[in-house]
Amino acid sequence: MCRNVPCISRYSWRMRNALLWTAVYAGCASSLIMFATAGGATYIREGMAWTAREAQTAAVFFVQSITVSQIQNDYQNVQAPKSDKSKKKSTKSRYISDGEIRVLIVPGHQPEDGGTAFDGVYERDIVVDIAGALAELLAQDSHYEVMVARGKDTWNPVLQAYFDTRAADIKAFEQSQELLMESYLASGSILPQADHVYHNSASPSARLQLYGINKWASENTYDITLHLHLNDYARRRTNRVGTYDGFTIYVPERQYSNAEASIAIAEAIAARLNAYHATSTLPQEDAGVVEDQELIAIGTNNTADGAALLIEYGYVYEPQFQESSVLPVAVADYAYATYLGLQDFFNDSIVPTFGSVSFPYDWSAVDAQKGESGPGIYALQAMLHRLGYYPPAGESFSECPVSGKSGSCTRRAIEAYQNAHGLETTGALGPKTREALERELTTP
């Protein structure tokens, strides 16, 4: 798959957790034996002191680093004079307000390396385009300060310099956080997640960069880090379209310090994505927003202070990514939905809006015959969905995606629209159907 995580499978996590809990129980049993064979009181006092130290350390390790109210208040304060902006550090948080909402956009994987691919289309390139479109939207809004982590050929020079000069510090950070996490799992200060979606392991260089991004973003008080990806899964025939489709958003498991704000932001973005696209049909991802303890990008081992999300916009073999004429509008639409989700989270929604940049559209050259594809079909499917006719009755986005490719789903949706408006039922766009759609766009 396209995600980068520590090299730990679900099976080995279960094995490791079982061993950790066995160690805890063995320690308890040993304490009881010592209590029975020795003075007892001394061991109770030592055990209580050890438990208190562990609880205190864990409380520091897992203190909320950023909350929903903090980041929403900071967003509101951006409009106030600089002298009125609070820059005081909370006594219960590592997060410090620093003016505009700082957003780091990280296109998944490395320049010219990694990520999934299908039929000559590369995830690592598409997500750079989505990142650029999203950054442009955010840059036009005075509430945000935005940075993109890499382009198609190179990392942002600021991050590249950090990777090069701070490699030893990043490695030490990774190891220390991992050891702390292991100790808290062993002591029961944090509970292991019961199960995970399987993730591929990351290469040593990718691990250093992902942990480095977490460390750098925390040091520079970034409020939100968005990792952008496309999805795939292990298939026997990699040259054929797979079974699954749809988007999912990974967030830190709720025991982590940055979980609260991450989950709330993810839910807002997922609602906007779900307005025109299917939620992933892969089991365990079908919730739309999925908590995870393992993904480096979102702060495994509690390595991220700011909100962190990993958005998988869909599977790389889906038509909207494969059709070259459709891809640009799909890229713009995914970026726009992400931006609208952020605005919804901050209670500053963009209105009026269709929720899609694909329409209004001039359909004069579009007739929606079977097999026709292009941005006009994408816009038509999105428009018919907004009006309540697409997907057709009894179907879902999984069977009938907004894909930019016309087929039986599009034909049936047009027929339903024509029937409802007293038009000749042809299943294709004619002059009268186009006129009716144009009127719909101008009607409040």
Protein backbone atom coordinates (compact mmCIF):
# COMPACT_ATOMS: atom_id res chain seq x y z
CA MET A 1 0.00 0.00 0.00
CA CYS A 2 1.05 3.62 -0.19
CA ARG A 3 1.40 4.38 3.50
CA ASN A 4 4.70 4.62 5.38
CA VAL A 5 4.81 3.10 8.83
CA PRO A 6 7.18 1.34 11.20
CA CYS A 7 8.04 -2.17 10.04
CA ILE A 8 5.52 -3.90 12.32
CA SER A 9 2.75 -6.10 10.97
CA ARG A 10 -0.59 -6.59 12.71
CA TYR A 11 0.54 -10.07 13.74
CA SER A 12 3.81 -8.88 15.25
CA TRP A 13 1.96 -6.07 17.06
CA ARG A 14 -0.31 -8.63 18.67
CA MET A 15 2.68 -10.78 19.57
CA ARG A 16 4.49 -7.79 21.01
CA ASN A 17 1.47 -6.60 22.98
CA ALA A 18 0.91 -10.10 24.32
CA LEU A 19 4.53 -10.24 25.49
CA LEU A 20 4.23 -6.79 27.08
CA TRP A 21 1.11 -7.72 29.01
CA THR A 22 2.71 -11.05 30.00
CA ALA A 23 5.62 -9.06 31.40
CA VAL A 24 3.23 -6.85 33.37
CA TYR A 25 1.40 -9.82 34.84
CA ALA A 26 4.69 -11.58 35.57
CA GLY A 27 5.87 -8.48 37.41
CA CYS A 28 2.69 -8.40 39.48
CA ALA A 29 3.07 -12.08 40.29
CA SER A 30 6.68 -11.56 41.32
CA SER A 31 5.66 -8.71 43.60
CA LEU A 32 3.08 -10.90 45.29
CA ILE A 33 5.62 -13.67 45.80
CA MET A 34 8.12 -11.22 47.29
CA PHE A 35 5.37 -9.83 49.49
CA ALA A 36 4.53 -13.29 50.77
CA THR A 37 8.14 -14.29 51.44
CA ALA A 38 9.50 -10.98 52.81
CA GLY A 39 8.34 -8.09 54.96
CA GLY A 40 5.75 -7.06 52.40
CA ALA A 41 5.26 -3.43 53.41
CA THR A 42 8.53 -2.33 51.86
CA TYR A 43 7.56 -3.82 48.52
CA ILE A 44 4.13 -2.21 48.62
CA ARG A 45 5.70 1.21 49.23
CA GLU A 46 8.21 0.67 46.43
CA GLY A 47 5.47 -0.53 44.11
CA MET A 48 3.30 2.47 44.91
CA ALA A 49 6.22 4.82 44.32
CA TRP A 50 7.00 3.13 40.99
CA THR A 51 3.35 3.37 39.94
CA ALA A 52 3.22 7.05 40.90
CA ARG A 53 6.37 7.80 38.90
CA GLU A 54 5.01 5.96 35.89
CA ALA A 55 1.63 7.70 36.10
CA GLN A 56 3.28 11.12 36.39
CA THR A 57 5.59 10.46 33.43
CA ALA A 58 2.75 9.12 31.32
CA ALA A 59 0.63 12.15 32.21
CA VAL A 60 3.34 14.38 30.78
CA PHE A 61 3.85 12.18 27.74
CA PHE A 62 0.15 12.05 26.89
CA VAL A 63 -0.96 15.55 27.89
CA GLN A 64 -3.07 17.15 25.19
CA SER A 65 -0.70 19.05 22.94
CA ILE A 66 -3.41 20.81 20.93
CA THR A 67 -7.17 21.02 21.47
CA VAL A 68 -10.15 21.91 19.34
CA SER A 69 -10.92 25.04 21.36
CA GLN A 70 -7.30 26.26 21.22
CA ILE A 71 -6.97 26.05 17.47
CA GLN A 72 -10.46 27.42 16.78
CA ASN A 73 -9.82 30.38 19.09
CA ASP A 74 -6.53 31.07 17.34
CA TYR A 75 -8.31 31.08 14.00
CA GLN A 76 -10.79 33.66 15.27
CA ASN A 77 -7.99 35.78 16.72
CA VAL A 78 -6.22 36.11 13.37
CA GLN A 79 -8.58 38.96 12.47
CA ALA A 80 -7.72 40.84 15.67
CA PRO A 81 -4.78 43.30 15.87
CA LYS A 82 -1.48 41.54 16.48
CA SER A 83 -1.21 43.09 19.95
CA ASP A 84 -4.44 41.32 20.92
CA LYS A 85 -3.32 37.87 19.83
CA SER A 86 -2.55 35.53 22.69
CA LYS A 87 0.89 33.96 22.58
CA LYS A 88 0.84 32.52 26.08
CA LYS A 89 1.63 28.88 26.51
CA SER A 90 -1.11 26.88 28.17
CA THR A 91 -0.14 25.24 31.45
CA LYS A 92 -1.67 22.04 30.14
CA SER A 93 -0.26 22.06 26.64
CA ARG A 94 2.96 22.09 24.67
CA TYR A 95 1.26 24.10 21.94
CA ILE A 96 1.92 27.84 21.56
CA SER A 97 -0.27 30.17 19.51
CA ASP A 98 1.80 31.94 16.88
CA GLY A 99 -0.54 34.12 14.84
CA GLU A 100 -1.99 32.62 11.66
CA ILE A 101 -2.98 28.96 11.54
CA ARG A 102 0.14 27.22 10.30
CA VAL A 103 -0.55 24.38 7.87
CA LEU A 104 2.10 22.00 6.56
CA ILE A 105 1.02 20.02 3.47
CA VAL A 106 3.06 16.88 2.86
CA PRO A 107 2.55 15.12 -0.49
CA GLY A 108 2.99 11.44 0.27
CA HIS A 109 6.30 9.68 -0.32
CA GLN A 110 9.58 10.99 -1.64
CA PRO A 111 10.37 12.98 -4.77
CA GLU A 112 10.75 10.58 -7.69
CA ASP A 113 10.45 7.53 -5.43
CA GLY A 114 7.87 5.47 -3.59
CA GLY A 115 4.11 5.33 -3.60
CA THR A 116 1.69 3.28 -5.61
CA ALA A 117 1.23 3.40 -9.38
CA PHE A 118 -1.17 2.06 -11.98
CA ASP A 119 -0.96 2.14 -15.77
CA GLY A 120 1.68 4.86 -15.79
CA VAL A 121 -0.07 7.06 -13.22
CA TYR A 122 1.96 7.72 -10.06
CA GLU A 123 0.52 8.55 -6.68
CA ARG A 124 3.56 10.61 -5.69
CA ASP A 125 2.97 13.00 -8.61
CA ILE A 126 -0.81 13.37 -8.27
CA VAL A 127 -0.60 14.25 -4.59
CA VAL A 128 1.87 17.03 -5.38
CA ASP A 129 -0.76 18.53 -7.69
CA ILE A 130 -3.45 18.25 -5.01
CA ALA A 131 -1.06 19.84 -2.50
CA GLY A 132 -0.38 22.74 -4.85
CA ALA A 133 -4.08 23.38 -5.45
CA LEU A 134 -4.84 23.21 -1.72
CA ALA A 135 -1.91 25.49 -0.85
CA GLU A 136 -3.17 28.06 -3.36
CA LEU A 137 -6.63 28.07 -1.75
CA LEU A 138 -5.19 28.43 1.75
CA ALA A 139 -2.73 31.13 0.71
CA GLN A 140 -5.62 33.31 -0.46
CA ASP A 141 -7.12 33.18 3.04
CA SER A 142 -5.49 35.53 5.57
CA HIS A 143 -6.12 33.04 8.38
CA TYR A 144 -3.49 30.63 7.12
CA GLU A 145 0.26 30.40 6.74
CA VAL A 146 0.96 27.43 4.50
CA MET A 147 4.02 25.45 3.48
CA VAL A 148 4.28 22.50 1.06
CA ALA A 149 6.88 19.91 2.04
CA ARG A 150 8.02 18.88 -1.42
CA GLY A 151 7.56 19.17 -5.15
CA LYS A 152 7.85 16.43 -7.75
CA ASP A 153 11.63 16.65 -7.91
CA THR A 154 12.92 17.94 -4.56
CA TRP A 155 12.03 18.52 -0.94
CA ASN A 156 11.38 22.02 0.28
CA PRO A 157 14.91 23.39 0.97
CA VAL A 158 14.02 24.12 4.59
CA LEU A 159 13.11 20.50 5.25
CA GLN A 160 15.97 19.11 3.19
CA ALA A 161 18.45 21.13 5.25
CA TYR A 162 16.80 19.84 8.44
CA PHE A 163 17.06 16.21 7.29
CA ASP A 164 20.71 16.70 6.34
CA THR A 165 21.93 18.55 9.43
CA ARG A 166 19.74 17.00 12.13
CA ALA A 167 19.75 13.33 11.14
CA ALA A 168 21.31 12.18 14.41
CA ASP A 169 18.84 14.23 16.46
CA ILE A 170 15.91 12.83 14.46
CA LYS A 171 17.11 9.26 15.00
CA ALA A 172 17.57 9.84 18.72
CA PHE A 173 14.08 11.37 18.87
CA GLU A 174 12.61 8.33 17.13
CA GLN A 175 14.35 5.90 19.46
CA SER A 176 13.54 7.74 22.68
CA GLN A 177 9.85 8.07 21.81
CA GLU A 178 9.67 4.41 20.87
CA LEU A 179 11.22 3.35 24.18
CA LEU A 180 8.81 5.55 26.12
CA MET A 181 5.87 4.09 24.22
CA GLU A 182 7.04 0.56 24.95
CA SER A 183 7.31 1.31 28.64
CA TYR A 184 3.81 2.80 28.78
CA LEU A 185 2.35 -0.17 26.95
CA ALA A 186 4.11 -2.51 29.36
CA SER A 187 2.87 -0.62 32.42
CA GLY A 188 -0.65 -0.20 31.10
CA SER A 189 -0.41 3.59 31.04
CA ILE A 190 -1.59 3.38 27.44
CA LEU A 191 -3.61 0.55 25.98
CA PRO A 192 -2.57 -1.15 22.75
CA GLN A 193 -4.90 -0.81 19.78
CA ALA A 194 -6.71 -4.08 19.22
CA ASP A 195 -6.18 -4.22 15.46
CA HIS A 196 -4.77 -2.22 12.58
CA VAL A 197 -5.21 -2.05 8.86
CA TYR A 198 -2.06 -3.55 7.37
CA HIS A 199 0.49 -0.92 6.31
CA ASN A 200 3.69 -1.29 4.33
CA SER A 201 6.94 -0.61 6.13
CA ALA A 202 8.97 2.51 5.43
CA SER A 203 12.50 2.59 4.10
CA PRO A 204 15.19 3.96 6.45
CA SER A 205 15.33 7.24 4.52
CA ALA A 206 11.54 7.62 4.54
CA ARG A 207 11.44 6.92 8.29
CA LEU A 208 14.01 9.62 8.94
CA GLN A 209 12.08 12.11 6.82
CA LEU A 210 8.69 11.33 8.40
CA TYR A 211 10.00 11.50 11.96
CA GLY A 212 11.95 14.59 10.94
CA ILE A 213 8.76 16.24 9.68
CA ASN A 214 7.01 15.48 12.98
CA LYS A 215 9.91 16.91 14.97
CA TRP A 216 10.35 19.98 12.75
CA ALA A 217 6.61 20.76 12.65
CA SER A 218 6.41 20.58 16.46
CA GLU A 219 9.48 22.77 16.93
CA ASN A 220 8.02 25.34 14.54
CA THR A 221 4.53 25.20 16.11
CA TYR A 222 2.62 24.04 13.04
CA ASP A 223 -1.04 23.67 13.92
CA ILE A 224 -2.03 21.19 11.22
CA THR A 225 -0.04 18.73 9.12
CA LEU A 226 -1.86 17.16 6.18
CA HIS A 227 -0.26 14.12 4.54
CA LEU A 228 -1.84 13.54 1.12
CA HIS A 229 -1.95 10.08 -0.48
CA LEU A 230 -3.73 7.79 -2.91
CA ASN A 231 -4.48 4.22 -1.93
CA ASP A 232 -3.86 0.73 -3.22
CA TYR A 233 -3.64 -2.76 -1.78
CA ALA A 234 -1.86 -6.04 -2.50
CA ARG A 235 -3.48 -7.62 -5.54
CA ARG A 236 -2.66 -10.78 -7.46
CA ARG A 237 -3.05 -8.98 -10.80
CA THR A 238 -1.58 -5.54 -10.36
CA ASN A 239 -2.30 -4.62 -13.98
CA ARG A 240 -6.06 -4.82 -13.40
CA VAL A 241 -8.44 -2.52 -11.57
CA GLY A 242 -8.87 -3.61 -7.96
CA THR A 243 -11.95 -4.34 -5.88
CA TYR A 244 -11.90 -1.44 -3.44
CA ASP A 245 -12.55 2.26 -3.94
CA GLY A 246 -13.15 5.46 -2.00
CA PHE A 247 -11.37 7.76 0.44
CA THR A 248 -10.31 7.37 4.04
CA ILE A 249 -8.60 9.65 6.57
CA TYR A 250 -6.20 8.28 9.18
CA VAL A 251 -5.85 10.09 12.50
CA PRO A 252 -3.91 9.48 15.73
CA GLU A 253 -5.50 6.96 18.05
CA ARG A 254 -7.51 8.82 20.69
CA GLN A 255 -5.02 8.23 23.53
CA TYR A 256 -2.38 10.30 21.72
CA SER A 257 -1.71 13.93 22.63
CA ASN A 258 -2.76 15.36 19.27
CA ALA A 259 -5.82 13.13 18.79
CA GLU A 260 -8.68 15.45 19.77
CA ALA A 261 -8.08 18.18 17.19
CA SER A 262 -6.93 15.69 14.54
CA ILE A 263 -10.14 13.67 14.76
CA ALA A 264 -12.38 16.75 14.70
CA ILE A 265 -10.63 18.19 11.62
CA ALA A 266 -10.72 14.82 9.87
CA GLU A 267 -14.46 14.44 10.45
CA ALA A 268 -15.11 17.85 8.90
CA ILE A 269 -12.98 17.09 5.83
CA ALA A 270 -14.48 13.61 5.48
CA ALA A 271 -17.98 15.09 5.39
CA ARG A 272 -16.97 17.35 2.49
CA LEU A 273 -15.23 14.55 0.59
CA ASN A 274 -18.22 12.28 1.14
CA ALA A 275 -20.49 14.84 -0.53
CA TYR A 276 -19.20 13.72 -3.96
CA HIS A 277 -17.11 10.61 -3.33
CA ALA A 278 -17.39 7.17 -1.77
CA THR A 279 -15.95 6.26 1.59
CA SER A 280 -13.41 3.45 1.28
CA THR A 281 -14.93 0.01 0.85
CA LEU A 282 -11.86 -1.70 2.34
CA PRO A 283 -12.88 -3.36 5.62
CA GLN A 284 -11.79 -1.27 8.64
CA GLU A 285 -11.47 1.81 6.43
CA ASP A 286 -15.20 2.06 5.75
CA ALA A 287 -15.69 4.29 8.80
CA GLY A 288 -14.15 7.10 6.77
CA VAL A 289 -12.07 8.40 9.69
CA VAL A 290 -9.78 5.70 11.09
CA GLU A 291 -7.72 5.93 14.28
CA ASP A 292 -4.25 4.40 14.16
CA GLN A 293 -1.34 3.99 16.59
CA GLU A 294 1.28 2.95 14.02
CA LEU A 295 1.46 5.50 11.22
CA ILE A 296 4.56 7.68 11.53
CA ALA A 297 2.96 10.52 9.56
CA ILE A 298 0.26 11.12 12.17
CA GLY A 299 2.50 10.75 15.18
CA THR A 300 3.18 7.14 16.13
CA ASN A 301 4.79 6.91 19.59
CA ASN A 302 3.32 10.35 20.33
CA THR A 303 5.79 12.13 18.05
CA ALA A 304 3.55 14.96 16.79
CA ASP A 305 2.25 17.96 18.75
CA GLY A 306 0.00 19.55 16.14
CA ALA A 307 -3.06 18.01 14.55
CA ALA A 308 -1.98 15.44 11.95
CA LEU A 309 -4.05 13.71 9.27
CA LEU A 310 -3.22 11.26 6.51
CA ILE A 311 -5.80 11.64 3.73
CA GLU A 312 -6.14 8.93 1.10
CA TYR A 313 -8.34 10.47 -1.57
CA GLY A 314 -9.10 7.23 -3.39
CA TYR A 315 -7.52 4.23 -5.10
CA VAL A 316 -4.99 5.00 -7.80
CA TYR A 317 -6.81 2.85 -10.38
CA GLU A 318 -10.12 4.74 -10.04
CA PRO A 319 -11.24 6.44 -13.30
CA GLN A 320 -10.91 10.04 -12.08
CA PHE A 321 -7.17 9.46 -11.57
CA GLN A 322 -6.62 7.43 -14.74
CA GLU A 323 -8.34 9.62 -17.35
CA SER A 324 -5.89 12.41 -18.24
CA SER A 325 -8.62 14.87 -19.24
CA VAL A 326 -10.51 14.33 -15.98
CA LEU A 327 -7.56 14.31 -13.59
CA PRO A 328 -7.05 18.12 -13.39
CA VAL A 329 -10.66 18.77 -12.34
CA ALA A 330 -10.57 15.84 -9.90
CA VAL A 331 -7.36 17.25 -8.37
CA ALA A 332 -8.99 20.68 -8.01
CA ASP A 333 -12.13 19.13 -6.53
CA TYR A 334 -10.28 17.10 -3.89
CA ALA A 335 -8.26 20.16 -2.88
CA TYR A 336 -11.41 22.28 -2.70
CA ALA A 337 -13.26 19.72 -0.57
CA THR A 338 -10.29 19.63 1.82
CA TYR A 339 -10.31 23.41 2.08
CA LEU A 340 -14.06 23.52 2.67
CA GLY A 341 -13.68 20.89 5.39
CA LEU A 342 -11.10 23.04 7.17
CA GLN A 343 -13.43 26.03 6.93
CA ASP A 344 -16.29 23.97 8.35
CA PHE A 345 -14.07 22.92 11.27
CA PHE A 346 -13.29 26.56 11.99
CA ASN A 347 -17.01 27.47 11.78
CA ASP A 348 -16.23 29.78 8.88
CA SER A 349 -17.86 27.93 5.99
CA ILE A 350 -17.58 29.24 2.44
CA VAL A 351 -21.07 30.19 1.21
CA PRO A 352 -22.59 30.13 -1.26
CA THR A 353 -20.79 27.16 -2.75
CA PHE A 354 -21.71 24.08 -4.74
CA GLY A 355 -19.04 22.12 -2.88
CA SER A 356 -17.38 21.32 -6.21
CA VAL A 357 -15.34 23.39 -8.63
CA SER A 358 -16.43 21.22 -11.57
CA PHE A 359 -19.63 23.18 -12.28
CA PRO A 360 -21.17 25.48 -13.52
CA TYR A 361 -20.08 23.97 -16.83
CA ASP A 362 -20.83 24.59 -20.50
CA TRP A 363 -22.38 21.28 -21.58
CA SER A 364 -23.01 22.37 -25.18
CA ALA A 365 -20.44 19.86 -26.47
CA VAL A 366 -21.43 17.05 -24.06
CA ASP A 367 -24.11 14.47 -24.88
CA ALA A 368 -23.16 11.79 -22.28
CA GLN A 369 -23.25 8.84 -24.66
CA LYS A 370 -21.94 5.55 -23.30
CA GLY A 371 -18.15 5.58 -22.97
CA GLU A 372 -17.81 9.35 -23.24
CA SER A 373 -15.32 10.75 -20.74
CA GLY A 374 -13.90 14.10 -19.77
CA PRO A 375 -14.40 17.03 -17.41
CA GLY A 376 -17.90 17.64 -18.80
CA ILE A 377 -19.05 14.19 -17.70
CA TYR A 378 -17.42 14.70 -14.29
CA ALA A 379 -19.26 18.02 -13.91
CA LEU A 380 -22.53 16.46 -15.09
CA GLN A 381 -22.30 13.62 -12.58
CA ALA A 382 -21.49 16.07 -9.79
CA MET A 383 -24.38 18.34 -10.82
CA LEU A 384 -26.87 15.47 -11.02
CA HIS A 385 -25.72 14.35 -7.59
CA ARG A 386 -26.29 17.81 -6.17
CA LEU A 387 -29.81 17.73 -7.60
CA GLY A 388 -30.48 14.28 -6.13
CA TYR A 389 -30.38 12.05 -9.23
CA TYR A 390 -26.88 10.59 -9.11
CA PRO A 391 -26.10 7.88 -8.20
CA PRO A 392 -29.37 6.43 -9.53
CA ALA A 393 -31.86 5.02 -7.05
CA GLY A 394 -30.52 1.91 -5.33
CA GLU A 395 -26.88 2.62 -6.17
CA SER A 396 -24.00 4.16 -4.23
CA PHE A 397 -20.87 6.09 -5.10
CA SER A 398 -18.97 2.80 -5.08
CA GLU A 399 -21.06 1.45 -7.95
CA CYS A 400 -21.54 4.85 -9.60
CA PRO A 401 -18.64 7.20 -8.76
CA VAL A 402 -18.20 10.78 -9.88
CA SER A 403 -15.55 9.56 -12.26
CA GLY A 404 -15.82 11.58 -15.47
CA LYS A 405 -16.73 8.47 -17.45
CA SER A 406 -20.25 7.97 -18.77
CA GLY A 407 -21.99 4.61 -18.52
CA SER A 408 -25.25 3.04 -17.38
CA CYS A 409 -25.19 4.98 -14.09
CA THR A 410 -25.02 8.31 -15.91
CA ARG A 411 -27.69 7.30 -18.41
CA ARG A 412 -30.12 6.20 -15.69
CA ALA A 413 -29.52 9.39 -13.70
CA ILE A 414 -30.24 11.53 -16.78
CA GLU A 415 -33.40 9.52 -17.45
CA ALA A 416 -34.60 10.10 -13.88
CA TYR A 417 -33.89 13.81 -14.23
CA GLN A 418 -35.72 13.98 -17.57
CA ASN A 419 -38.74 12.14 -16.17
CA ALA A 420 -38.92 14.49 -13.20
CA HIS A 421 -38.83 17.55 -15.49
CA GLY A 422 -41.25 16.33 -18.16
CA LEU A 423 -38.53 15.94 -20.79
CA GLU A 424 -38.15 13.24 -23.41
CA THR A 425 -36.49 10.28 -21.72
CA THR A 426 -33.39 9.64 -23.82
CA GLY A 427 -30.70 9.10 -21.20
CA ALA A 428 -28.50 11.58 -23.07
CA LEU A 429 -28.05 15.33 -23.04
CA GLY A 430 -30.06 17.17 -25.66
CA PRO A 431 -30.75 20.91 -25.97
CA LYS A 432 -33.76 20.89 -23.64
CA THR A 433 -32.00 18.87 -20.95
CA ARG A 434 -29.00 21.20 -21.11
CA GLU A 435 -31.31 24.23 -20.80
CA ALA A 436 -33.01 22.69 -17.78
CA LEU A 437 -29.65 22.07 -16.09
CA GLU A 438 -28.59 25.66 -16.76
CA ARG A 439 -31.79 26.92 -15.11
CA GLU A 440 -31.10 24.74 -12.09
CA LEU A 441 -27.74 26.43 -11.64
CA THR A 442 -29.25 29.90 -11.55
CA THR A 443 -32.20 28.98 -9.31
CA PRO A 444 -31.65 29.64 -5.59
